PDB file of all heavy atoms in Angstrom:
ATOM      1  N   HIS A   1      24.468-111.542 -50.332  1.00  0.00           N
ATOM      2  CA  HIS A   1      24.540-110.708 -49.140  1.00  0.00           C
ATOM      3  C   HIS A   1      25.768-109.792 -49.188  1.00  0.00           C
ATOM      4  O   HIS A   1      25.680-108.591 -48.829  1.00  0.00           O
ATOM      5  CB  HIS A   1      24.580-111.612 -47.912  1.00  0.00           C
ATOM      6  CG  HIS A   1      24.677-110.829 -46.636  1.00  0.00           C
ATOM      7  ND1 HIS A   1      23.614-110.060 -46.116  1.00  0.00           N
ATOM      8  CD2 HIS A   1      25.692-110.702 -45.709  1.00  0.00           C
ATOM      9  CE1 HIS A   1      23.979-109.501 -45.012  1.00  0.00           C
ATOM     10  NE2 HIS A   1      25.262-109.888 -44.730  1.00  0.00           N
ATOM     11  N   ILE A   2      26.872-110.351 -49.637  1.00  0.00           N
ATOM     12  CA  ILE A   2      28.107-109.557 -49.725  1.00  0.00           C
ATOM     13  C   ILE A   2      27.947-108.442 -50.753  1.00  0.00           C
ATOM     14  O   ILE A   2      28.390-107.299 -50.550  1.00  0.00           O
ATOM     15  CB  ILE A   2      29.281-110.456 -50.066  1.00  0.00           C
ATOM     16  CG1 ILE A   2      29.607-111.381 -48.895  1.00  0.00           C
ATOM     17  CG2 ILE A   2      30.527-109.637 -50.438  1.00  0.00           C
ATOM     18  CD1 ILE A   2      30.637-112.456 -49.195  1.00  0.00           C
ATOM     19  N   VAL A   3      27.252-108.787 -51.863  1.00  0.00           N
ATOM     20  CA  VAL A   3      27.045-107.775 -52.898  1.00  0.00           C
ATOM     21  C   VAL A   3      26.187-106.662 -52.362  1.00  0.00           C
ATOM     22  O   VAL A   3      26.453-105.468 -52.602  1.00  0.00           O
ATOM     23  CB  VAL A   3      26.422-108.405 -54.161  1.00  0.00           C
ATOM     24  CG1 VAL A   3      25.991-107.327 -55.144  1.00  0.00           C
ATOM     25  CG2 VAL A   3      27.425-109.342 -54.819  1.00  0.00           C
ATOM     26  N   GLU A   4      25.140-107.051 -51.598  1.00  0.00           N
ATOM     27  CA  GLU A   4      24.278-106.035 -51.056  1.00  0.00           C
ATOM     28  C   GLU A   4      25.047-105.151 -50.051  1.00  0.00           C
ATOM     29  O   GLU A   4      24.882-103.935 -50.026  1.00  0.00           O
ATOM     30  CB  GLU A   4      23.085-106.701 -50.369  1.00  0.00           C
ATOM     31  CG  GLU A   4      22.114-107.349 -51.345  1.00  0.00           C
ATOM     32  CD  GLU A   4      20.988-108.091 -50.625  1.00  0.00           C
ATOM     33  OE1 GLU A   4      21.032-108.173 -49.361  1.00  0.00           O
ATOM     34  OE2 GLU A   4      20.074-108.550 -51.308  1.00  0.00           O
ATOM     35  N   GLN A   5      25.839-105.847 -49.227  1.00  0.00           N
ATOM     36  CA  GLN A   5      26.644-105.067 -48.282  1.00  0.00           C
ATOM     37  C   GLN A   5      27.618-104.128 -49.013  1.00  0.00           C
ATOM     38  O   GLN A   5      27.833-102.980 -48.607  1.00  0.00           O
ATOM     39  CB  GLN A   5      27.421-106.000 -47.361  1.00  0.00           C
ATOM     40  CG  GLN A   5      26.555-106.718 -46.358  1.00  0.00           C
ATOM     41  CD  GLN A   5      27.362-107.644 -45.448  1.00  0.00           C
ATOM     42  OE1 GLN A   5      28.522-107.930 -45.728  1.00  0.00           O
ATOM     43  NE2 GLN A   5      26.729-108.131 -44.370  1.00  0.00           N
ATOM     44  N   THR A   6      28.148-104.662 -50.094  1.00  0.00           N
ATOM     45  CA  THR A   6      29.099-103.843 -50.875  1.00  0.00           C
ATOM     46  C   THR A   6      28.402-102.652 -51.483  1.00  0.00           C
ATOM     47  O   THR A   6      28.926-101.515 -51.502  1.00  0.00           O
ATOM     48  CB  THR A   6      29.750-104.681 -51.976  1.00  0.00           C
ATOM     49  OG1 THR A   6      30.395-105.804 -51.367  1.00  0.00           O
ATOM     50  CG2 THR A   6      30.750-103.868 -52.770  1.00  0.00           C
ATOM     51  N   GLN A   7      27.189-102.907 -51.975  1.00  0.00           N
ATOM     52  CA  GLN A   7      26.442-101.802 -52.573  1.00  0.00           C
ATOM     53  C   GLN A   7      26.084-100.758 -51.514  1.00  0.00           C
ATOM     54  O   GLN A   7      26.190 -99.555 -51.765  1.00  0.00           O
ATOM     55  CB  GLN A   7      25.165-102.342 -53.249  1.00  0.00           C
ATOM     56  CG  GLN A   7      25.439-103.137 -54.510  1.00  0.00           C
ATOM     57  CD  GLN A   7      24.178-103.734 -55.106  1.00  0.00           C
ATOM     58  OE1 GLN A   7      23.052-103.644 -54.497  1.00  0.00           O
ATOM     59  NE2 GLN A   7      24.300-104.319 -56.300  1.00  0.00           N
ATOM     60  N   ASP A   8      25.634-101.316 -50.344  1.00  0.00           N
ATOM     61  CA  ASP A   8      25.315-100.361 -49.281  1.00  0.00           C
ATOM     62  C   ASP A   8      26.561 -99.557 -48.878  1.00  0.00           C
ATOM     63  O   ASP A   8      26.489 -98.341 -48.650  1.00  0.00           O
ATOM     64  CB  ASP A   8      24.741-101.127 -48.057  1.00  0.00           C
ATOM     65  CG  ASP A   8      23.370-101.737 -48.358  1.00  0.00           C
ATOM     66  OD1 ASP A   8      22.709-101.212 -49.296  1.00  0.00           O
ATOM     67  OD2 ASP A   8      23.011-102.672 -47.663  1.00  0.00           O
ATOM     68  N   LEU A   9      27.653-100.313 -48.804  1.00  0.00           N
ATOM     69  CA  LEU A   9      28.917 -99.628 -48.444  1.00  0.00           C
ATOM     70  C   LEU A   9      29.333 -98.611 -49.509  1.00  0.00           C
ATOM     71  O   LEU A   9      29.766 -97.500 -49.184  1.00  0.00           O
ATOM     72  CB  LEU A   9      30.019-100.661 -48.233  1.00  0.00           C
ATOM     73  CG  LEU A   9      31.406-100.113 -47.854  1.00  0.00           C
ATOM     74  CD1 LEU A   9      31.307 -99.420 -46.477  1.00  0.00           C
ATOM     75  CD2 LEU A   9      32.439-101.252 -47.774  1.00  0.00           C
ATOM     76  N   ALA A  10      29.122 -99.005 -50.774  1.00  0.00           N
ATOM     77  CA  ALA A  10      29.509 -98.090 -51.857  1.00  0.00           C
ATOM     78  C   ALA A  10      28.620 -96.870 -51.894  1.00  0.00           C
ATOM     79  O   ALA A  10      29.068 -95.737 -52.113  1.00  0.00           O
ATOM     80  CB  ALA A  10      29.427 -98.822 -53.192  1.00  0.00           C
ATOM     81  N   ILE A  11      27.293 -97.137 -51.590  1.00  0.00           N
ATOM     82  CA  ILE A  11      26.369 -96.005 -51.616  1.00  0.00           C
ATOM     83  C   ILE A  11      26.653 -95.068 -50.461  1.00  0.00           C
ATOM     84  O   ILE A  11      26.667 -93.833 -50.624  1.00  0.00           O
ATOM     85  CB  ILE A  11      24.915 -96.516 -51.581  1.00  0.00           C
ATOM     86  CG1 ILE A  11      24.576 -97.253 -52.892  1.00  0.00           C
ATOM     87  CG2 ILE A  11      23.940 -95.367 -51.353  1.00  0.00           C
ATOM     88  CD1 ILE A  11      23.250 -97.989 -52.869  1.00  0.00           C
ATOM     89  N   SER A  12      26.909 -95.666 -49.323  1.00  0.00           N
ATOM     90  CA  SER A  12      27.153 -94.808 -48.158  1.00  0.00           C
ATOM     91  C   SER A  12      28.548 -94.162 -48.172  1.00  0.00           C
ATOM     92  O   SER A  12      28.739 -93.126 -47.537  1.00  0.00           O
ATOM     93  CB  SER A  12      26.949 -95.633 -46.876  1.00  0.00           C
ATOM     94  OG  SER A  12      27.849 -96.719 -46.846  1.00  0.00           O
ATOM     95  N   ASN A  13      29.465 -94.768 -48.863  1.00  0.00           N
ATOM     96  CA  ASN A  13      30.870 -94.228 -48.843  1.00  0.00           C
ATOM     97  C   ASN A  13      31.398 -93.971 -50.258  1.00  0.00           C
ATOM     98  O   ASN A  13      32.583 -94.146 -50.548  1.00  0.00           O
ATOM     99  CB  ASN A  13      31.788 -95.226 -48.133  1.00  0.00           C
ATOM    100  CG  ASN A  13      31.464 -95.417 -46.663  1.00  0.00           C
ATOM    101  OD1 ASN A  13      31.627 -94.512 -45.846  1.00  0.00           O
ATOM    102  ND2 ASN A  13      30.908 -96.583 -46.336  1.00  0.00           N
ATOM    103  N   TYR A  14      30.521 -93.571 -51.156  1.00  0.00           N
ATOM    104  CA  TYR A  14      30.945 -93.377 -52.567  1.00  0.00           C
ATOM    105  C   TYR A  14      31.965 -92.240 -52.701  1.00  0.00           C
ATOM    106  O   TYR A  14      32.864 -92.267 -53.517  1.00  0.00           O
ATOM    107  CB  TYR A  14      29.730 -93.137 -53.465  1.00  0.00           C
ATOM    108  CG  TYR A  14      29.096 -91.772 -53.297  1.00  0.00           C
ATOM    109  CD1 TYR A  14      29.436 -90.709 -54.126  1.00  0.00           C
ATOM    110  CD2 TYR A  14      28.136 -91.547 -52.313  1.00  0.00           C
ATOM    111  CE1 TYR A  14      28.848 -89.461 -53.966  1.00  0.00           C
ATOM    112  CE2 TYR A  14      27.555 -90.313 -52.167  1.00  0.00           C
ATOM    113  CZ  TYR A  14      27.912 -89.272 -53.001  1.00  0.00           C
ATOM    114  OH  TYR A  14      27.337 -88.032 -52.865  1.00  0.00           O
ATOM    115  N   LYS A  15      31.776 -91.211 -51.842  1.00  0.00           N
ATOM    116  CA  LYS A  15      32.732 -90.105 -51.899  1.00  0.00           C
ATOM    117  C   LYS A  15      34.142 -90.567 -51.534  1.00  0.00           C
ATOM    118  O   LYS A  15      35.128 -90.161 -52.158  1.00  0.00           O
ATOM    119  CB  LYS A  15      32.313 -88.989 -50.952  1.00  0.00           C
ATOM    120  CG  LYS A  15      31.022 -88.304 -51.376  1.00  0.00           C
ATOM    121  CD  LYS A  15      30.676 -87.185 -50.401  1.00  0.00           C
ATOM    122  CE  LYS A  15      29.378 -86.482 -50.805  1.00  0.00           C
ATOM    123  NZ  LYS A  15      29.013 -85.391 -49.873  1.00  0.00           N
ATOM    124  N   THR A  16      34.174 -91.423 -50.552  1.00  0.00           N
ATOM    125  CA  THR A  16      35.499 -91.940 -50.146  1.00  0.00           C
ATOM    126  C   THR A  16      36.111 -92.757 -51.245  1.00  0.00           C
ATOM    127  O   THR A  16      37.321 -92.661 -51.526  1.00  0.00           O
ATOM    128  CB  THR A  16      35.348 -92.781 -48.867  1.00  0.00           C
ATOM    129  OG1 THR A  16      34.750 -91.991 -47.839  1.00  0.00           O
ATOM    130  CG2 THR A  16      36.694 -93.283 -48.397  1.00  0.00           C
ATOM    131  N   PHE A  17      35.265 -93.572 -51.887  1.00  0.00           N
ATOM    132  CA  PHE A  17      35.784 -94.384 -52.992  1.00  0.00           C
ATOM    133  C   PHE A  17      36.299 -93.514 -54.152  1.00  0.00           C
ATOM    134  O   PHE A  17      37.348 -93.797 -54.739  1.00  0.00           O
ATOM    135  CB  PHE A  17      34.702 -95.345 -53.486  1.00  0.00           C
ATOM    136  CG  PHE A  17      34.366 -96.427 -52.507  1.00  0.00           C
ATOM    137  CD1 PHE A  17      33.036 -96.862 -52.311  1.00  0.00           C
ATOM    138  CD2 PHE A  17      35.377 -97.058 -51.760  1.00  0.00           C
ATOM    139  CE1 PHE A  17      32.735 -97.874 -51.409  1.00  0.00           C
ATOM    140  CE2 PHE A  17      35.055 -98.065 -50.855  1.00  0.00           C
ATOM    141  CZ  PHE A  17      33.733 -98.469 -50.672  1.00  0.00           C
ATOM    142  N   ILE A  18      35.511 -92.493 -54.440  1.00  0.00           N
ATOM    143  CA  ILE A  18      35.951 -91.590 -55.541  1.00  0.00           C
ATOM    144  C   ILE A  18      37.263 -90.905 -55.185  1.00  0.00           C
ATOM    145  O   ILE A  18      38.208 -90.843 -56.005  1.00  0.00           O
ATOM    146  CB  ILE A  18      34.858 -90.546 -55.825  1.00  0.00           C
ATOM    147  CG1 ILE A  18      33.615 -91.226 -56.386  1.00  0.00           C
ATOM    148  CG2 ILE A  18      35.374 -89.485 -56.809  1.00  0.00           C
ATOM    149  CD1 ILE A  18      32.413 -90.299 -56.538  1.00  0.00           C
ATOM    150  N   LYS A  19      37.336 -90.422 -53.946  1.00  0.00           N
ATOM    151  CA  LYS A  19      38.572 -89.754 -53.528  1.00  0.00           C
ATOM    152  C   LYS A  19      39.739 -90.723 -53.487  1.00  0.00           C
ATOM    153  O   LYS A  19      40.870 -90.385 -53.886  1.00  0.00           O
ATOM    154  CB  LYS A  19      38.355 -89.134 -52.160  1.00  0.00           C
ATOM    155  CG  LYS A  19      39.509 -88.248 -51.721  1.00  0.00           C
ATOM    156  CD  LYS A  19      39.175 -87.543 -50.406  1.00  0.00           C
ATOM    157  CE  LYS A  19      40.308 -86.622 -49.983  1.00  0.00           C
ATOM    158  NZ  LYS A  19      40.000 -85.912 -48.705  1.00  0.00           N
ATOM    159  N   THR A  20      39.407 -91.962 -53.053  1.00  0.00           N
ATOM    160  CA  THR A  20      40.468 -92.985 -53.014  1.00  0.00           C
ATOM    161  C   THR A  20      40.952 -93.297 -54.424  1.00  0.00           C
ATOM    162  O   THR A  20      42.169 -93.444 -54.666  1.00  0.00           O
ATOM    163  CB  THR A  20      39.923 -94.259 -52.331  1.00  0.00           C
ATOM    164  OG1 THR A  20      39.516 -93.941 -50.998  1.00  0.00           O
ATOM    165  CG2 THR A  20      41.000 -95.334 -52.288  1.00  0.00           C
ATOM    166  N   ALA A  21      40.019 -93.377 -55.368  1.00  0.00           N
ATOM    167  CA  ALA A  21      40.420 -93.642 -56.763  1.00  0.00           C
ATOM    168  C   ALA A  21      41.283 -92.511 -57.330  1.00  0.00           C
ATOM    169  O   ALA A  21      42.306 -92.743 -58.013  1.00  0.00           O
ATOM    170  CB  ALA A  21      39.161 -93.838 -57.615  1.00  0.00           C
ATOM    171  N   GLU A  22      40.821 -91.313 -56.992  1.00  0.00           N
ATOM    172  CA  GLU A  22      41.621 -90.160 -57.467  1.00  0.00           C
ATOM    173  C   GLU A  22      43.006 -90.170 -56.841  1.00  0.00           C
ATOM    174  O   GLU A  22      44.021 -89.915 -57.510  1.00  0.00           O
ATOM    175  CB  GLU A  22      40.883 -88.872 -57.137  1.00  0.00           C
ATOM    176  CG  GLU A  22      39.615 -88.675 -57.948  1.00  0.00           C
ATOM    177  CD  GLU A  22      38.883 -87.419 -57.535  1.00  0.00           C
ATOM    178  OE1 GLU A  22      39.325 -86.790 -56.538  1.00  0.00           O
ATOM    179  OE2 GLU A  22      37.899 -87.043 -58.207  1.00  0.00           O
ATOM    180  N   ASN A  23      43.002 -90.461 -55.549  1.00  0.00           N
ATOM    181  CA  ASN A  23      44.326 -90.499 -54.884  1.00  0.00           C
ATOM    182  C   ASN A  23      45.193 -91.613 -55.454  1.00  0.00           C
ATOM    183  O   ASN A  23      46.408 -91.457 -55.615  1.00  0.00           O
ATOM    184  CB  ASN A  23      44.146 -90.691 -53.383  1.00  0.00           C
ATOM    185  CG  ASN A  23      43.556 -89.462 -52.715  1.00  0.00           C
ATOM    186  OD1 ASN A  23      43.680 -88.360 -53.251  1.00  0.00           O
ATOM    187  ND2 ASN A  23      42.916 -89.636 -51.570  1.00  0.00           N
ATOM    188  N   SER A  24      44.525 -92.729 -55.713  1.00  0.00           N
ATOM    189  CA  SER A  24      45.293 -93.851 -56.295  1.00  0.00           C
ATOM    190  C   SER A  24      45.871 -93.453 -57.657  1.00  0.00           C
ATOM    191  O   SER A  24      47.035 -93.764 -57.983  1.00  0.00           O
ATOM    192  CB  SER A  24      44.372 -95.084 -56.447  1.00  0.00           C
ATOM    193  OG  SER A  24      43.910 -95.507 -55.183  1.00  0.00           O
ATOM    194  N   ARG A  25      44.990 -92.797 -58.445  1.00  0.00           N
ATOM    195  CA  ARG A  25      45.473 -92.353 -59.763  1.00  0.00           C
ATOM    196  C   ARG A  25      46.630 -91.356 -59.600  1.00  0.00           C
ATOM    197  O   ARG A  25      47.626 -91.426 -60.316  1.00  0.00           O
ATOM    198  CB  ARG A  25      44.326 -91.719 -60.535  1.00  0.00           C
ATOM    199  CG  ARG A  25      44.691 -91.438 -62.017  1.00  0.00           C
ATOM    200  CD  ARG A  25      43.543 -90.758 -62.720  1.00  0.00           C
ATOM    201  NE  ARG A  25      42.322 -91.541 -62.687  1.00  0.00           N
ATOM    202  CZ  ARG A  25      41.264 -91.249 -61.982  1.00  0.00           C
ATOM    203  NH1 ARG A  25      41.232 -90.153 -61.237  1.00  0.00           N
ATOM    204  NH2 ARG A  25      40.185 -92.019 -61.976  1.00  0.00           N
ATOM    205  N   SER A  26      46.517 -90.396 -58.663  1.00  0.00           N
ATOM    206  CA  SER A  26      47.574 -89.395 -58.434  1.00  0.00           C
ATOM    207  C   SER A  26      48.860 -90.049 -57.927  1.00  0.00           C
ATOM    208  O   SER A  26      49.965 -89.720 -58.363  1.00  0.00           O
ATOM    209  CB  SER A  26      47.078 -88.350 -57.442  1.00  0.00           C
ATOM    210  OG  SER A  26      48.092 -87.439 -57.136  1.00  0.00           O
ATOM    211  N   ILE A  27      48.609 -91.005 -56.992  1.00  0.00           N
ATOM    212  CA  ILE A  27      49.788 -91.720 -56.468  1.00  0.00           C
ATOM    213  C   ILE A  27      50.470 -92.492 -57.580  1.00  0.00           C
ATOM    214  O   ILE A  27      51.716 -92.541 -57.670  1.00  0.00           O
ATOM    215  CB  ILE A  27      49.364 -92.646 -55.308  1.00  0.00           C
ATOM    216  CG1 ILE A  27      48.949 -91.808 -54.082  1.00  0.00           C
ATOM    217  CG2 ILE A  27      50.500 -93.591 -54.933  1.00  0.00           C
ATOM    218  CD1 ILE A  27      48.304 -92.624 -52.965  1.00  0.00           C
ATOM    219  N   TYR A  28      49.654 -93.074 -58.441  1.00  0.00           N
ATOM    220  CA  TYR A  28      50.233 -93.821 -59.564  1.00  0.00           C
ATOM    221  C   TYR A  28      51.090 -92.901 -60.469  1.00  0.00           C
ATOM    222  O   TYR A  28      52.209 -93.255 -60.864  1.00  0.00           O
ATOM    223  CB  TYR A  28      49.106 -94.468 -60.351  1.00  0.00           C
ATOM    224  CG  TYR A  28      49.575 -95.229 -61.564  1.00  0.00           C
ATOM    225  CD1 TYR A  28      50.214 -96.473 -61.450  1.00  0.00           C
ATOM    226  CD2 TYR A  28      49.369 -94.697 -62.842  1.00  0.00           C
ATOM    227  CE1 TYR A  28      50.650 -97.144 -62.572  1.00  0.00           C
ATOM    228  CE2 TYR A  28      49.804 -95.373 -63.962  1.00  0.00           C
ATOM    229  CZ  TYR A  28      50.456 -96.598 -63.815  1.00  0.00           C
ATOM    230  OH  TYR A  28      50.903 -97.262 -64.930  1.00  0.00           O
ATOM    231  N   LYS A  29      50.541 -91.738 -60.748  1.00  0.00           N
ATOM    232  CA  LYS A  29      51.309 -90.769 -61.568  1.00  0.00           C
ATOM    233  C   LYS A  29      52.574 -90.326 -60.854  1.00  0.00           C
ATOM    234  O   LYS A  29      53.637 -90.201 -61.477  1.00  0.00           O
ATOM    235  CB  LYS A  29      50.432 -89.563 -61.891  1.00  0.00           C
ATOM    236  CG  LYS A  29      49.283 -89.870 -62.840  1.00  0.00           C
ATOM    237  CD  LYS A  29      48.476 -88.607 -63.116  1.00  0.00           C
ATOM    238  CE  LYS A  29      47.328 -88.893 -64.079  1.00  0.00           C
ATOM    239  NZ  LYS A  29      46.503 -87.687 -64.349  1.00  0.00           N
ATOM    240  N   GLU A  30      52.444 -90.078 -59.544  1.00  0.00           N
ATOM    241  CA  GLU A  30      53.629 -89.648 -58.806  1.00  0.00           C
ATOM    242  C   GLU A  30      54.687 -90.735 -58.791  1.00  0.00           C
ATOM    243  O   GLU A  30      55.888 -90.473 -58.887  1.00  0.00           O
ATOM    244  CB  GLU A  30      53.242 -89.271 -57.375  1.00  0.00           C
ATOM    245  CG  GLU A  30      52.416 -88.016 -57.263  1.00  0.00           C
ATOM    246  CD  GLU A  30      53.194 -86.781 -57.686  1.00  0.00           C
ATOM    247  OE1 GLU A  30      54.456 -86.764 -57.565  1.00  0.00           O
ATOM    248  OE2 GLU A  30      52.568 -85.825 -58.175  1.00  0.00           O
TER     249      GLU A  30
END
């Protein structure tokens, strides 16, 4: 159930995750 919720969450908020990853990567470099 958690995996399904995670997938639904990832599908519905994939843009946020991508932006968060990019920001994390940028923050890491900074």
